[in-house]
Amino acid sequence: MWKRKANSRVAAQPDHVRGARKGAILGASDIAVTPTSVTLRPARTVNLQTAFTVKRGQAMRRLTAVALTALACLGLAASNAAAQTAKDMIGTWALKSDDTTTPDGHAVQPFGPNPRGIAIFDSNGRFAIVASRPDLPKFASNNRMHGTAEENEAIVHGSIAFFGTFSVTDGVIIQHIEGGTWPAWIGTDQKRTITSFTPAEQTWTTVPSFGGRSELHWRRLK
């Protein structure tokens, strides 16, 4: 009697309870799930492996698109920085900032936070650059030939000017110095690496006259 009663209780249990004992889940909407498929009675069966493959393919396509976009942006940035020619330089540029790290690691602005400077490049391959602090002292004597030691030092530290010929190769401006206020450069080639360039602005890195590393930001004058 007890066995028959137990069997009748098992037979009377709803489908979702019996299915759970067999590893399947039968929902109220009569959906059966197995480890490899979903059955929507009585219409159709969805293969989980196929569905996963489709989802994975879509994710890979999205990831590939993102990666290609990033590479394109990097390539564009690199070309903007390095693919300049002497023709791109032609014009007049104003110095907006000069941030320098000295050989012993100190950060300085040799021409102050608001420098005055100009760079002129012409179509014949010639250039001239002048840069100075806006607060250079006026000589008490009002005579350039009769400055005090302090006045002369301030002028030398706070200004520089030079000129010569130039060319651009692989994103580097090569300036051949023919004359200027810093004699050690005269007759030498000074290199300025273009780190960013647009028609309106450009940035160089270079070794300044007192060593270390300078980053100069220029804006084209109209």
N, C-alpha and C. Protein backbone atom coordinates (compact mmCIF):
# COMPACT_ATOMS: atom_id res chain seq x y z
N MET A 1 0.83 -1.20 0.00
CA MET A 1 0.00 0.00 0.00
C MET A 1 0.86 1.25 0.00
N TRP A 2 1.89 1.25 0.79
CA TRP A 2 2.75 2.43 0.88
C TRP A 2 3.45 2.73 -0.43
N LYS A 3 3.94 1.65 -1.14
CA LYS A 3 4.60 1.88 -2.42
C LYS A 3 3.65 2.43 -3.44
N ARG A 4 2.41 1.91 -3.49
CA ARG A 4 1.47 2.43 -4.48
C ARG A 4 1.15 3.89 -4.20
N LYS A 5 1.06 4.26 -2.93
CA LYS A 5 0.75 5.64 -2.57
C LYS A 5 1.90 6.54 -2.97
N ALA A 6 3.14 6.08 -2.76
CA ALA A 6 4.30 6.89 -3.14
C ALA A 6 4.33 7.09 -4.63
N ASN A 7 4.03 6.01 -5.40
CA ASN A 7 4.06 6.13 -6.86
C ASN A 7 3.01 7.09 -7.35
N SER A 8 1.83 7.01 -6.74
CA SER A 8 0.77 7.91 -7.18
C SER A 8 1.13 9.34 -6.87
N ARG A 9 1.87 9.59 -5.76
CA ARG A 9 2.28 10.96 -5.43
C ARG A 9 3.30 11.46 -6.45
N VAL A 10 4.22 10.60 -6.85
CA VAL A 10 5.21 11.01 -7.85
C VAL A 10 4.53 11.33 -9.16
N ALA A 11 3.58 10.46 -9.55
CA ALA A 11 2.89 10.68 -10.83
C ALA A 11 2.09 11.95 -10.80
N ALA A 12 1.64 12.36 -9.62
CA ALA A 12 0.76 13.53 -9.54
C ALA A 12 1.55 14.82 -9.49
N GLN A 13 2.87 14.76 -9.31
CA GLN A 13 3.65 15.98 -9.20
C GLN A 13 3.64 16.73 -10.52
N PRO A 14 3.70 18.06 -10.46
CA PRO A 14 3.68 18.84 -11.70
C PRO A 14 4.96 18.65 -12.49
N ASP A 15 4.87 19.00 -13.78
CA ASP A 15 6.00 18.76 -14.68
C ASP A 15 7.28 19.45 -14.24
N HIS A 16 7.19 20.73 -13.73
CA HIS A 16 8.43 21.43 -13.43
C HIS A 16 9.16 20.80 -12.25
N VAL A 17 8.45 20.11 -11.33
CA VAL A 17 9.11 19.42 -10.22
C VAL A 17 9.78 18.16 -10.72
N ARG A 18 9.06 17.34 -11.54
CA ARG A 18 9.67 16.11 -12.07
C ARG A 18 10.89 16.44 -12.92
N GLY A 19 10.78 17.48 -13.75
CA GLY A 19 11.91 17.82 -14.62
C GLY A 19 13.12 18.23 -13.84
N ALA A 20 12.92 18.90 -12.70
CA ALA A 20 14.05 19.34 -11.90
C ALA A 20 14.87 18.17 -11.41
N ARG A 21 14.18 17.01 -11.12
CA ARG A 21 14.89 15.82 -10.64
C ARG A 21 15.73 15.19 -11.75
N LYS A 22 15.43 15.52 -12.99
CA LYS A 22 16.18 14.94 -14.10
C LYS A 22 17.20 15.92 -14.68
N GLY A 23 17.36 17.05 -14.06
CA GLY A 23 18.33 18.02 -14.54
C GLY A 23 17.75 19.02 -15.51
N ALA A 24 16.38 19.01 -15.73
CA ALA A 24 15.75 19.96 -16.63
C ALA A 24 14.82 20.85 -15.83
N ILE A 25 14.62 22.08 -16.32
CA ILE A 25 13.73 23.02 -15.65
C ILE A 25 12.57 23.33 -16.58
N LEU A 26 11.38 22.98 -16.15
CA LEU A 26 10.20 23.22 -16.96
C LEU A 26 9.45 24.39 -16.36
N GLY A 27 9.37 25.48 -17.11
CA GLY A 27 8.70 26.65 -16.59
C GLY A 27 7.21 26.59 -16.80
N ALA A 28 6.54 27.63 -16.31
CA ALA A 28 5.09 27.68 -16.41
C ALA A 28 4.64 27.79 -17.85
N SER A 29 5.50 28.37 -18.68
CA SER A 29 5.14 28.50 -20.10
C SER A 29 5.53 27.28 -20.90
N ASP A 30 5.84 26.19 -20.17
CA ASP A 30 6.16 24.90 -20.81
C ASP A 30 7.46 24.98 -21.60
N ILE A 31 8.51 25.62 -21.00
CA ILE A 31 9.82 25.72 -21.63
C ILE A 31 10.73 24.69 -20.98
N ALA A 32 11.36 23.85 -21.78
CA ALA A 32 12.28 22.84 -21.26
C ALA A 32 13.71 23.23 -21.60
N VAL A 33 14.61 23.14 -20.58
CA VAL A 33 16.01 23.48 -20.78
C VAL A 33 16.86 22.24 -20.50
N THR A 34 17.78 21.93 -21.41
CA THR A 34 18.77 20.87 -21.19
C THR A 34 20.14 21.51 -21.29
N PRO A 35 21.20 20.78 -20.96
CA PRO A 35 22.54 21.40 -21.03
C PRO A 35 22.91 21.90 -22.41
N THR A 36 22.24 21.47 -23.48
CA THR A 36 22.65 21.90 -24.83
C THR A 36 21.56 22.59 -25.60
N SER A 37 20.31 22.66 -25.07
CA SER A 37 19.25 23.27 -25.88
C SER A 37 18.15 23.82 -25.01
N VAL A 38 17.36 24.68 -25.62
CA VAL A 38 16.15 25.20 -24.99
C VAL A 38 14.98 24.82 -25.89
N THR A 39 13.98 24.12 -25.33
CA THR A 39 12.83 23.68 -26.11
C THR A 39 11.62 24.51 -25.74
N LEU A 40 11.04 25.14 -26.71
CA LEU A 40 9.80 25.89 -26.51
C LEU A 40 8.68 25.02 -27.08
N ARG A 41 7.99 24.31 -26.20
CA ARG A 41 7.00 23.37 -26.68
C ARG A 41 5.81 24.10 -27.29
N PRO A 42 5.28 23.61 -28.36
CA PRO A 42 5.83 22.52 -29.20
C PRO A 42 6.57 23.08 -30.39
N ALA A 43 6.86 24.43 -30.39
CA ALA A 43 7.24 25.09 -31.63
C ALA A 43 8.67 24.79 -32.07
N ARG A 44 9.70 25.10 -31.25
CA ARG A 44 11.05 25.03 -31.78
C ARG A 44 12.06 24.78 -30.66
N THR A 45 13.29 24.43 -31.07
CA THR A 45 14.39 24.21 -30.14
C THR A 45 15.54 25.14 -30.53
N VAL A 46 16.11 25.87 -29.52
CA VAL A 46 17.22 26.76 -29.75
C VAL A 46 18.50 26.09 -29.26
N ASN A 47 19.47 25.94 -30.13
CA ASN A 47 20.73 25.33 -29.76
C ASN A 47 21.61 26.37 -29.07
N LEU A 48 21.95 26.09 -27.78
CA LEU A 48 22.72 27.05 -26.99
C LEU A 48 24.12 27.25 -27.54
N GLN A 49 24.74 26.21 -28.05
CA GLN A 49 26.09 26.33 -28.59
C GLN A 49 26.11 27.26 -29.78
N THR A 50 25.09 27.14 -30.65
CA THR A 50 25.02 28.03 -31.81
C THR A 50 24.80 29.46 -31.38
N ALA A 51 23.90 29.65 -30.39
CA ALA A 51 23.62 31.00 -29.91
C ALA A 51 24.87 31.63 -29.31
N PHE A 52 25.63 30.83 -28.54
CA PHE A 52 26.85 31.36 -27.94
C PHE A 52 27.87 31.75 -29.01
N THR A 53 27.97 30.93 -30.07
CA THR A 53 28.91 31.22 -31.15
C THR A 53 28.56 32.53 -31.83
N VAL A 54 27.25 32.77 -32.07
CA VAL A 54 26.80 34.01 -32.70
C VAL A 54 27.16 35.21 -31.83
N LYS A 55 26.85 35.10 -30.52
CA LYS A 55 27.15 36.20 -29.59
C LYS A 55 28.65 36.48 -29.54
N ARG A 56 29.45 35.40 -29.52
CA ARG A 56 30.90 35.57 -29.47
C ARG A 56 31.39 36.24 -30.73
N GLY A 57 30.85 35.89 -31.88
CA GLY A 57 31.25 36.52 -33.13
C GLY A 57 30.92 38.00 -33.15
N GLN A 58 29.73 38.35 -32.62
CA GLN A 58 29.36 39.76 -32.57
C GLN A 58 30.30 40.54 -31.66
N ALA A 59 30.65 39.95 -30.51
CA ALA A 59 31.56 40.62 -29.58
C ALA A 59 32.94 40.81 -30.21
N MET A 60 33.42 39.81 -30.93
CA MET A 60 34.72 39.92 -31.57
C MET A 60 34.72 41.00 -32.64
N ARG A 61 33.60 41.10 -33.39
CA ARG A 61 33.52 42.14 -34.40
C ARG A 61 33.55 43.52 -33.78
N ARG A 62 32.83 43.69 -32.64
CA ARG A 62 32.85 44.99 -31.97
C ARG A 62 34.24 45.31 -31.44
N LEU A 63 34.92 44.31 -30.86
CA LEU A 63 36.27 44.52 -30.34
C LEU A 63 37.24 44.88 -31.45
N THR A 64 37.11 44.21 -32.59
CA THR A 64 37.98 44.50 -33.73
C THR A 64 37.77 45.92 -34.23
N ALA A 65 36.49 46.35 -34.28
CA ALA A 65 36.19 47.71 -34.73
C ALA A 65 36.81 48.75 -33.81
N VAL A 66 36.72 48.50 -32.50
CA VAL A 66 37.31 49.44 -31.53
C VAL A 66 38.82 49.49 -31.70
N ALA A 67 39.45 48.33 -31.86
CA ALA A 67 40.90 48.28 -32.00
C ALA A 67 41.36 49.00 -33.27
N LEU A 68 40.63 48.80 -34.36
CA LEU A 68 40.99 49.46 -35.62
C LEU A 68 40.85 50.97 -35.51
N THR A 69 39.80 51.41 -34.82
CA THR A 69 39.61 52.84 -34.61
C THR A 69 40.75 53.44 -33.81
N ALA A 70 41.15 52.74 -32.74
CA ALA A 70 42.26 53.23 -31.91
C ALA A 70 43.55 53.30 -32.71
N LEU A 71 43.81 52.27 -33.53
CA LEU A 71 45.03 52.28 -34.33
C LEU A 71 45.01 53.41 -35.35
N ALA A 72 43.83 53.67 -35.92
CA ALA A 72 43.72 54.76 -36.89
C ALA A 72 44.01 56.09 -36.24
N CYS A 73 43.50 56.28 -35.01
CA CYS A 73 43.76 57.54 -34.30
C CYS A 73 45.23 57.70 -33.98
N LEU A 74 45.88 56.61 -33.56
CA LEU A 74 47.31 56.67 -33.26
C LEU A 74 48.11 56.96 -34.51
N GLY A 75 47.71 56.35 -35.61
CA GLY A 75 48.40 56.59 -36.87
C GLY A 75 48.26 58.03 -37.32
N LEU A 76 47.06 58.59 -37.13
CA LEU A 76 46.82 59.99 -37.49
C LEU A 76 47.66 60.91 -36.65
N ALA A 77 47.73 60.62 -35.32
CA ALA A 77 48.53 61.46 -34.43
C ALA A 77 49.99 61.40 -34.82
N ALA A 78 50.47 60.18 -35.12
CA ALA A 78 51.87 60.04 -35.49
C ALA A 78 52.18 60.80 -36.76
N SER A 79 51.27 60.73 -37.77
CA SER A 79 51.52 61.42 -39.02
C SER A 79 51.49 62.92 -38.82
N ASN A 80 50.60 63.42 -37.95
CA ASN A 80 50.54 64.85 -37.67
C ASN A 80 51.82 65.34 -37.04
N ALA A 81 52.46 64.50 -36.22
CA ALA A 81 53.66 64.92 -35.52
C ALA A 81 54.90 64.81 -36.39
N ALA A 82 54.95 63.82 -37.30
CA ALA A 82 56.22 63.51 -37.93
C ALA A 82 56.28 63.79 -39.43
N ALA A 83 55.15 63.93 -40.10
CA ALA A 83 55.17 63.99 -41.56
C ALA A 83 55.16 65.42 -42.08
N GLN A 84 55.82 66.36 -41.37
CA GLN A 84 55.83 67.74 -41.79
C GLN A 84 56.96 67.99 -42.80
N THR A 85 56.79 69.06 -43.58
CA THR A 85 57.81 69.46 -44.54
C THR A 85 58.18 70.90 -44.26
N ALA A 86 59.24 71.36 -44.92
CA ALA A 86 59.65 72.75 -44.76
C ALA A 86 58.54 73.71 -45.18
N LYS A 87 57.75 73.29 -46.16
CA LYS A 87 56.65 74.14 -46.63
C LYS A 87 55.62 74.37 -45.53
N ASP A 88 55.38 73.35 -44.69
CA ASP A 88 54.41 73.49 -43.60
C ASP A 88 54.86 74.53 -42.58
N MET A 89 56.16 74.77 -42.47
CA MET A 89 56.69 75.68 -41.47
C MET A 89 56.58 77.14 -41.89
N ILE A 90 56.44 77.39 -43.17
CA ILE A 90 56.50 78.77 -43.68
C ILE A 90 55.45 79.63 -43.01
N GLY A 91 55.89 80.77 -42.49
CA GLY A 91 54.99 81.70 -41.82
C GLY A 91 55.63 82.26 -40.57
N THR A 92 54.81 82.92 -39.77
CA THR A 92 55.27 83.56 -38.54
C THR A 92 54.57 82.92 -37.36
N TRP A 93 55.34 82.55 -36.35
CA TRP A 93 54.82 81.84 -35.20
C TRP A 93 55.17 82.59 -33.92
N ALA A 94 54.22 82.67 -32.99
CA ALA A 94 54.44 83.32 -31.70
C ALA A 94 54.68 82.26 -30.63
N LEU A 95 55.66 82.52 -29.77
CA LEU A 95 55.98 81.59 -28.68
C LEU A 95 54.95 81.74 -27.57
N LYS A 96 54.27 80.64 -27.24
CA LYS A 96 53.26 80.66 -26.18
C LYS A 96 53.79 80.14 -24.86
N SER A 97 54.73 79.22 -24.89
CA SER A 97 55.31 78.70 -23.65
C SER A 97 56.63 78.01 -23.95
N ASP A 98 57.50 78.02 -22.94
CA ASP A 98 58.77 77.31 -23.00
C ASP A 98 59.00 76.69 -21.63
N ASP A 99 58.75 75.40 -21.53
CA ASP A 99 58.90 74.69 -20.26
C ASP A 99 60.13 73.80 -20.35
N THR A 100 61.05 74.02 -19.43
CA THR A 100 62.35 73.36 -19.51
C THR A 100 62.64 72.57 -18.24
N THR A 101 63.26 71.41 -18.44
CA THR A 101 63.81 70.64 -17.33
C THR A 101 65.32 70.73 -17.42
N THR A 102 65.94 71.25 -16.37
CA THR A 102 67.39 71.43 -16.38
C THR A 102 68.10 70.09 -16.24
N PRO A 103 69.41 70.04 -16.51
CA PRO A 103 70.14 68.77 -16.38
C PRO A 103 70.04 68.14 -14.99
N ASP A 104 69.84 68.97 -13.95
CA ASP A 104 69.72 68.39 -12.60
C ASP A 104 68.28 68.16 -12.18
N GLY A 105 67.34 68.25 -13.16
CA GLY A 105 65.96 67.85 -12.91
C GLY A 105 65.01 68.94 -12.45
N HIS A 106 65.43 70.19 -12.43
CA HIS A 106 64.56 71.28 -12.00
C HIS A 106 63.71 71.79 -13.17
N ALA A 107 62.46 72.12 -12.88
CA ALA A 107 61.57 72.69 -13.90
C ALA A 107 61.68 74.21 -13.86
N VAL A 108 61.96 74.80 -15.02
CA VAL A 108 62.10 76.26 -15.11
C VAL A 108 61.39 76.76 -16.36
N GLN A 109 61.09 78.04 -16.36
CA GLN A 109 60.58 78.73 -17.55
C GLN A 109 61.55 79.87 -17.83
N PRO A 110 62.52 79.64 -18.70
CA PRO A 110 63.60 80.62 -18.91
C PRO A 110 63.12 81.98 -19.39
N PHE A 111 61.95 82.02 -20.03
CA PHE A 111 61.42 83.30 -20.50
C PHE A 111 60.15 83.70 -19.75
N GLY A 112 59.94 83.07 -18.59
CA GLY A 112 58.80 83.40 -17.76
C GLY A 112 57.53 82.71 -18.21
N PRO A 113 56.44 82.88 -17.43
CA PRO A 113 55.17 82.21 -17.75
C PRO A 113 54.46 82.80 -18.97
N ASN A 114 54.84 84.02 -19.34
CA ASN A 114 54.24 84.67 -20.51
C ASN A 114 55.34 85.19 -21.42
N PRO A 115 56.02 84.28 -22.11
CA PRO A 115 57.19 84.68 -22.89
C PRO A 115 56.81 85.53 -24.10
N ARG A 116 57.78 86.30 -24.54
CA ARG A 116 57.65 87.01 -25.80
C ARG A 116 58.64 86.39 -26.78
N GLY A 117 58.12 85.90 -27.89
CA GLY A 117 59.00 85.26 -28.84
C GLY A 117 58.36 85.16 -30.20
N ILE A 118 59.18 85.09 -31.21
CA ILE A 118 58.67 84.98 -32.57
C ILE A 118 59.63 84.12 -33.38
N ALA A 119 59.08 83.29 -34.26
CA ALA A 119 59.86 82.46 -35.18
C ALA A 119 59.33 82.71 -36.59
N ILE A 120 60.22 83.05 -37.49
CA ILE A 120 59.84 83.35 -38.87
C ILE A 120 60.55 82.37 -39.80
N PHE A 121 59.77 81.67 -40.62
CA PHE A 121 60.31 80.74 -41.61
C PHE A 121 59.85 81.21 -42.99
N ASP A 122 60.78 81.37 -43.93
CA ASP A 122 60.36 81.83 -45.25
C ASP A 122 60.47 80.72 -46.29
N SER A 123 59.98 81.01 -47.48
CA SER A 123 59.92 80.00 -48.54
C SER A 123 61.28 79.71 -49.15
N ASN A 124 62.29 80.49 -48.81
CA ASN A 124 63.64 80.26 -49.32
C ASN A 124 64.49 79.42 -48.37
N GLY A 125 63.87 78.91 -47.30
CA GLY A 125 64.59 78.06 -46.38
C GLY A 125 65.39 78.80 -45.34
N ARG A 126 65.01 80.05 -45.08
CA ARG A 126 65.70 80.83 -44.06
C ARG A 126 64.76 81.07 -42.88
N PHE A 127 65.37 81.29 -41.70
CA PHE A 127 64.56 81.50 -40.50
C PHE A 127 65.25 82.49 -39.57
N ALA A 128 64.47 83.02 -38.64
CA ALA A 128 65.01 83.86 -37.56
C ALA A 128 64.11 83.65 -36.34
N ILE A 129 64.73 83.54 -35.17
CA ILE A 129 63.99 83.34 -33.92
C ILE A 129 64.52 84.31 -32.86
N VAL A 130 63.59 84.96 -32.18
CA VAL A 130 63.93 85.82 -31.05
C VAL A 130 62.98 85.46 -29.91
N ALA A 131 63.53 85.30 -28.71
CA ALA A 131 62.70 85.01 -27.53
C ALA A 131 63.26 85.78 -26.34
N SER A 132 62.35 86.26 -25.49
CA SER A 132 62.80 87.01 -24.32
C SER A 132 61.73 87.00 -23.24
N ARG A 133 62.14 87.35 -22.04
CA ARG A 133 61.20 87.56 -20.94
C ARG A 133 60.50 88.91 -21.15
N PRO A 134 59.27 89.04 -20.66
CA PRO A 134 58.61 90.34 -20.77
C PRO A 134 59.07 91.35 -19.73
N ASP A 135 59.83 90.89 -18.75
CA ASP A 135 60.23 91.77 -17.65
C ASP A 135 61.73 92.05 -17.63
N LEU A 136 62.37 92.09 -18.79
CA LEU A 136 63.80 92.40 -18.84
C LEU A 136 64.04 93.81 -18.26
N PRO A 137 65.09 93.95 -17.48
CA PRO A 137 65.32 95.27 -16.86
C PRO A 137 65.82 96.31 -17.86
N LYS A 138 65.41 97.53 -17.66
CA LYS A 138 65.97 98.63 -18.44
C LYS A 138 67.26 99.11 -17.77
N PHE A 139 68.25 99.39 -18.60
CA PHE A 139 69.53 99.81 -18.06
C PHE A 139 69.39 101.20 -17.44
N ALA A 140 69.97 101.34 -16.26
CA ALA A 140 69.92 102.64 -15.58
C ALA A 140 70.63 103.72 -16.39
N SER A 141 71.66 103.33 -17.13
CA SER A 141 72.42 104.29 -17.93
C SER A 141 71.70 104.66 -19.22
N ASN A 142 70.68 103.88 -19.57
CA ASN A 142 69.98 104.06 -20.86
C ASN A 142 70.94 103.90 -22.03
N ASN A 143 71.98 103.09 -21.82
CA ASN A 143 73.00 102.87 -22.84
C ASN A 143 73.34 101.38 -22.84
N ARG A 144 73.11 100.73 -23.97
CA ARG A 144 73.33 99.28 -24.04
C ARG A 144 74.77 98.91 -23.77
N MET A 145 75.67 99.79 -24.00
CA MET A 145 77.09 99.51 -23.82
C MET A 145 77.55 99.74 -22.38
N HIS A 146 76.67 100.23 -21.53
CA HIS A 146 77.09 100.56 -20.17
C HIS A 146 76.14 99.94 -19.13
N GLY A 147 75.82 98.68 -19.30
CA GLY A 147 75.01 97.99 -18.32
C GLY A 147 75.83 97.53 -17.13
N THR A 148 75.17 97.40 -16.01
CA THR A 148 75.86 96.84 -14.83
C THR A 148 75.97 95.33 -15.01
N ALA A 149 76.75 94.71 -14.12
CA ALA A 149 76.90 93.25 -14.17
C ALA A 149 75.56 92.56 -14.01
N GLU A 150 74.73 93.06 -13.11
CA GLU A 150 73.41 92.46 -12.87
C GLU A 150 72.50 92.66 -14.08
N GLU A 151 72.55 93.84 -14.68
CA GLU A 151 71.71 94.11 -15.85
C GLU A 151 72.12 93.23 -17.03
N ASN A 152 73.42 93.13 -17.25
CA ASN A 152 73.90 92.30 -18.36
C ASN A 152 73.54 90.82 -18.15
N GLU A 153 73.66 90.36 -16.92
CA GLU A 153 73.32 88.97 -16.62
C GLU A 153 71.83 88.71 -16.87
N ALA A 154 71.00 89.64 -16.46
CA ALA A 154 69.56 89.46 -16.67
C ALA A 154 69.21 89.39 -18.15
N ILE A 155 69.89 90.20 -18.97
CA ILE A 155 69.63 90.19 -20.40
C ILE A 155 70.08 88.87 -21.03
N VAL A 156 71.25 88.40 -20.65
CA VAL A 156 71.77 87.14 -21.20
C VAL A 156 70.90 85.96 -20.78
N HIS A 157 70.49 85.93 -19.52
CA HIS A 157 69.66 84.82 -19.04
C HIS A 157 68.25 84.86 -19.61
N GLY A 158 67.76 86.05 -19.88
CA GLY A 158 66.34 86.18 -20.23
C GLY A 158 66.04 86.40 -21.68
N SER A 159 67.03 86.25 -22.56
CA SER A 159 66.74 86.46 -23.99
C SER A 159 67.72 85.67 -24.85
N ILE A 160 67.29 85.38 -26.07
CA ILE A 160 68.16 84.72 -27.05
C ILE A 160 67.64 85.04 -28.44
N ALA A 161 68.54 85.13 -29.40
CA ALA A 161 68.16 85.39 -30.79
C ALA A 161 69.17 84.70 -31.70
N PHE A 162 68.68 84.12 -32.79
CA PHE A 162 69.57 83.47 -33.74
C PHE A 162 68.85 83.33 -35.08
N PHE A 163 69.63 83.10 -36.12
CA PHE A 163 69.06 83.00 -37.48
C PHE A 163 69.93 82.09 -38.32
N GLY A 164 69.40 81.69 -39.49
CA GLY A 164 70.15 80.82 -40.38
C GLY A 164 69.24 80.18 -41.40
N THR A 165 69.54 78.95 -41.76
CA THR A 165 68.75 78.19 -42.72
C THR A 165 68.13 76.98 -42.01
N PHE A 166 67.09 76.43 -42.63
CA PHE A 166 66.42 75.31 -41.98
C PHE A 166 65.94 74.30 -43.01
N SER A 167 65.73 73.09 -42.53
CA SER A 167 65.10 72.02 -43.31
C SER A 167 64.31 71.15 -42.34
N VAL A 168 63.43 70.30 -42.89
CA VAL A 168 62.62 69.40 -42.06
C VAL A 168 62.77 67.99 -42.61
N THR A 169 63.20 67.07 -41.74
CA THR A 169 63.39 65.68 -42.13
C THR A 169 62.83 64.77 -41.05
N ASP A 170 61.89 63.90 -41.43
CA ASP A 170 61.31 62.91 -40.50
C ASP A 170 60.80 63.56 -39.21
N GLY A 171 60.11 64.69 -39.35
CA GLY A 171 59.53 65.33 -38.18
C GLY A 171 60.51 66.08 -37.31
N VAL A 172 61.70 66.36 -37.83
CA VAL A 172 62.72 67.10 -37.09
C VAL A 172 63.11 68.35 -37.89
N ILE A 173 63.04 69.52 -37.21
CA ILE A 173 63.51 70.75 -37.83
C ILE A 173 65.01 70.86 -37.57
N ILE A 174 65.77 70.97 -38.64
CA ILE A 174 67.22 71.13 -38.51
C ILE A 174 67.55 72.59 -38.83
N GLN A 175 68.02 73.30 -37.83
CA GLN A 175 68.35 74.72 -38.00
C GLN A 175 69.87 74.87 -38.04
N HIS A 176 70.36 75.34 -39.17
CA HIS A 176 71.79 75.63 -39.27
C HIS A 176 71.98 77.09 -38.84
N ILE A 177 72.69 77.29 -37.74
CA ILE A 177 72.81 78.62 -37.15
C ILE A 177 73.95 79.39 -37.82
N GLU A 178 73.61 80.55 -38.41
CA GLU A 178 74.63 81.39 -39.05
C GLU A 178 75.07 82.53 -38.14
N GLY A 179 74.20 82.93 -37.21
CA GLY A 179 74.56 84.01 -36.30
C GLY A 179 73.55 84.10 -35.18
N GLY A 180 73.91 84.82 -34.11
CA GLY A 180 72.99 84.96 -32.99
C GLY A 180 73.70 85.44 -31.74
N THR A 181 72.96 85.49 -30.66
CA THR A 181 73.50 86.01 -29.40
C THR A 181 74.18 84.93 -28.56
N TRP A 182 74.07 83.66 -28.99
CA TRP A 182 74.76 82.58 -28.27
C TRP A 182 75.84 82.00 -29.19
N PRO A 183 77.11 82.45 -29.01
CA PRO A 183 78.18 82.09 -29.94
C PRO A 183 78.41 80.60 -30.09
N ALA A 184 78.13 79.81 -29.04
CA ALA A 184 78.41 78.37 -29.10
C ALA A 184 77.58 77.68 -30.18
N TRP A 185 76.46 78.26 -30.57
CA TRP A 185 75.63 77.65 -31.59
C TRP A 185 76.03 78.03 -33.01
N ILE A 186 76.75 79.09 -33.18
CA ILE A 186 77.05 79.58 -34.53
C ILE A 186 77.87 78.55 -35.30
N GLY A 187 77.39 78.22 -36.50
CA GLY A 187 78.06 77.22 -37.33
C GLY A 187 77.62 75.79 -37.07
N THR A 188 76.67 75.59 -36.13
CA THR A 188 76.21 74.24 -35.78
C THR A 188 74.79 74.00 -36.31
N ASP A 189 74.39 72.73 -36.32
CA ASP A 189 73.02 72.35 -36.65
C ASP A 189 72.29 72.02 -35.36
N GLN A 190 71.21 72.73 -35.08
CA GLN A 190 70.40 72.49 -33.90
C GLN A 190 69.10 71.79 -34.32
N LYS A 191 68.73 70.73 -33.62
CA LYS A 191 67.58 69.93 -33.99
C LYS A 191 66.40 70.18 -33.05
N ARG A 192 65.24 70.39 -33.61
CA ARG A 192 63.99 70.57 -32.86
C ARG A 192 63.01 69.48 -33.31
N THR A 193 62.63 68.61 -32.42
CA THR A 193 61.72 67.51 -32.76
C THR A 193 60.28 67.99 -32.66
N ILE A 194 59.52 67.83 -33.74
CA ILE A 194 58.12 68.22 -33.74
C ILE A 194 57.31 67.12 -33.07
N THR A 195 56.71 67.42 -31.93
CA THR A 195 55.91 66.40 -31.23
C THR A 195 54.43 66.53 -31.54
N SER A 196 53.99 67.69 -31.99
CA SER A 196 52.61 67.85 -32.45
C SER A 196 52.57 68.99 -33.44
N PHE A 197 51.65 68.89 -34.41
CA PHE A 197 51.58 69.92 -35.44
C PHE A 197 50.17 69.99 -36.00
N THR A 198 49.65 71.21 -36.09
CA THR A 198 48.43 71.51 -36.83
C THR A 198 48.72 72.78 -37.62
N PRO A 199 47.87 73.14 -38.56
CA PRO A 199 48.12 74.38 -39.29
C PRO A 199 48.20 75.62 -38.41
N ALA A 200 47.60 75.55 -37.21
CA ALA A 200 47.56 76.71 -36.32
C ALA A 200 48.56 76.67 -35.18
N GLU A 201 49.01 75.47 -34.77
CA GLU A 201 49.88 75.35 -33.61
C GLU A 201 50.89 74.23 -33.82
N GLN A 202 52.00 74.32 -33.11
CA GLN A 202 52.98 73.24 -33.12
C GLN A 202 53.78 73.25 -31.83
N THR A 203 54.34 72.09 -31.50
CA THR A 203 55.15 71.94 -30.29
C THR A 203 56.45 71.25 -30.65
N TRP A 204 57.56 71.76 -30.11
CA TRP A 204 58.87 71.16 -30.32
C TRP A 204 59.44 70.71 -28.99
N THR A 205 60.32 69.73 -29.05
CA THR A 205 61.23 69.45 -27.94
C THR A 205 62.65 69.63 -28.45
N THR A 206 63.51 70.14 -27.58
CA THR A 206 64.88 70.42 -28.01
C THR A 206 65.79 70.53 -26.79
N VAL A 207 67.08 70.60 -27.05
CA VAL A 207 68.06 70.83 -25.99
C VAL A 207 68.37 72.32 -25.97
N PRO A 208 68.08 73.02 -24.87
CA PRO A 208 68.33 74.46 -24.83
C PRO A 208 69.81 74.78 -24.70
N SER A 209 70.13 76.06 -24.74
CA SER A 209 71.54 76.49 -24.73
C SER A 209 72.23 76.19 -23.41
N PHE A 210 71.48 75.88 -22.36
CA PHE A 210 72.09 75.56 -21.06
C PHE A 210 71.87 74.10 -20.67
N GLY A 211 71.51 73.25 -21.64
CA GLY A 211 71.36 71.82 -21.40
C GLY A 211 69.97 71.46 -20.89
N GLY A 212 69.73 70.18 -20.73
CA GLY A 212 68.42 69.71 -20.29
C GLY A 212 67.50 69.45 -21.47
N ARG A 213 66.21 69.71 -21.25
CA ARG A 213 65.20 69.46 -22.28
C ARG A 213 64.13 70.53 -22.22
N SER A 214 63.84 71.14 -23.36
CA SER A 214 62.81 72.18 -23.44
C SER A 214 61.67 71.73 -24.32
N GLU A 215 60.46 72.14 -23.95
CA GLU A 215 59.29 71.94 -24.79
C GLU A 215 58.71 73.32 -25.10
N LEU A 216 58.70 73.66 -26.38
CA LEU A 216 58.25 74.97 -26.82
C LEU A 216 56.95 74.84 -27.60
N HIS A 217 55.98 75.65 -27.22
CA HIS A 217 54.68 75.63 -27.90
C HIS A 217 54.53 76.94 -28.68
N TRP A 218 54.23 76.80 -29.99
CA TRP A 218 54.11 77.95 -30.88
C TRP A 218 52.70 78.03 -31.46
N ARG A 219 52.26 79.26 -31.73
CA ARG A 219 50.96 79.47 -32.39
C ARG A 219 51.18 80.36 -33.62
N ARG A 220 50.58 79.93 -34.73
CA ARG A 220 50.77 80.68 -35.97
C ARG A 220 50.07 82.04 -35.89
N LEU A 221 50.76 83.07 -36.35
CA LEU A 221 50.17 84.41 -36.42
C LEU A 221 49.56 84.61 -37.81
N LYS A 222 48.40 85.22 -37.84
CA LYS A 222 47.72 85.46 -39.13
C LYS A 222 48.09 86.83 -39.67
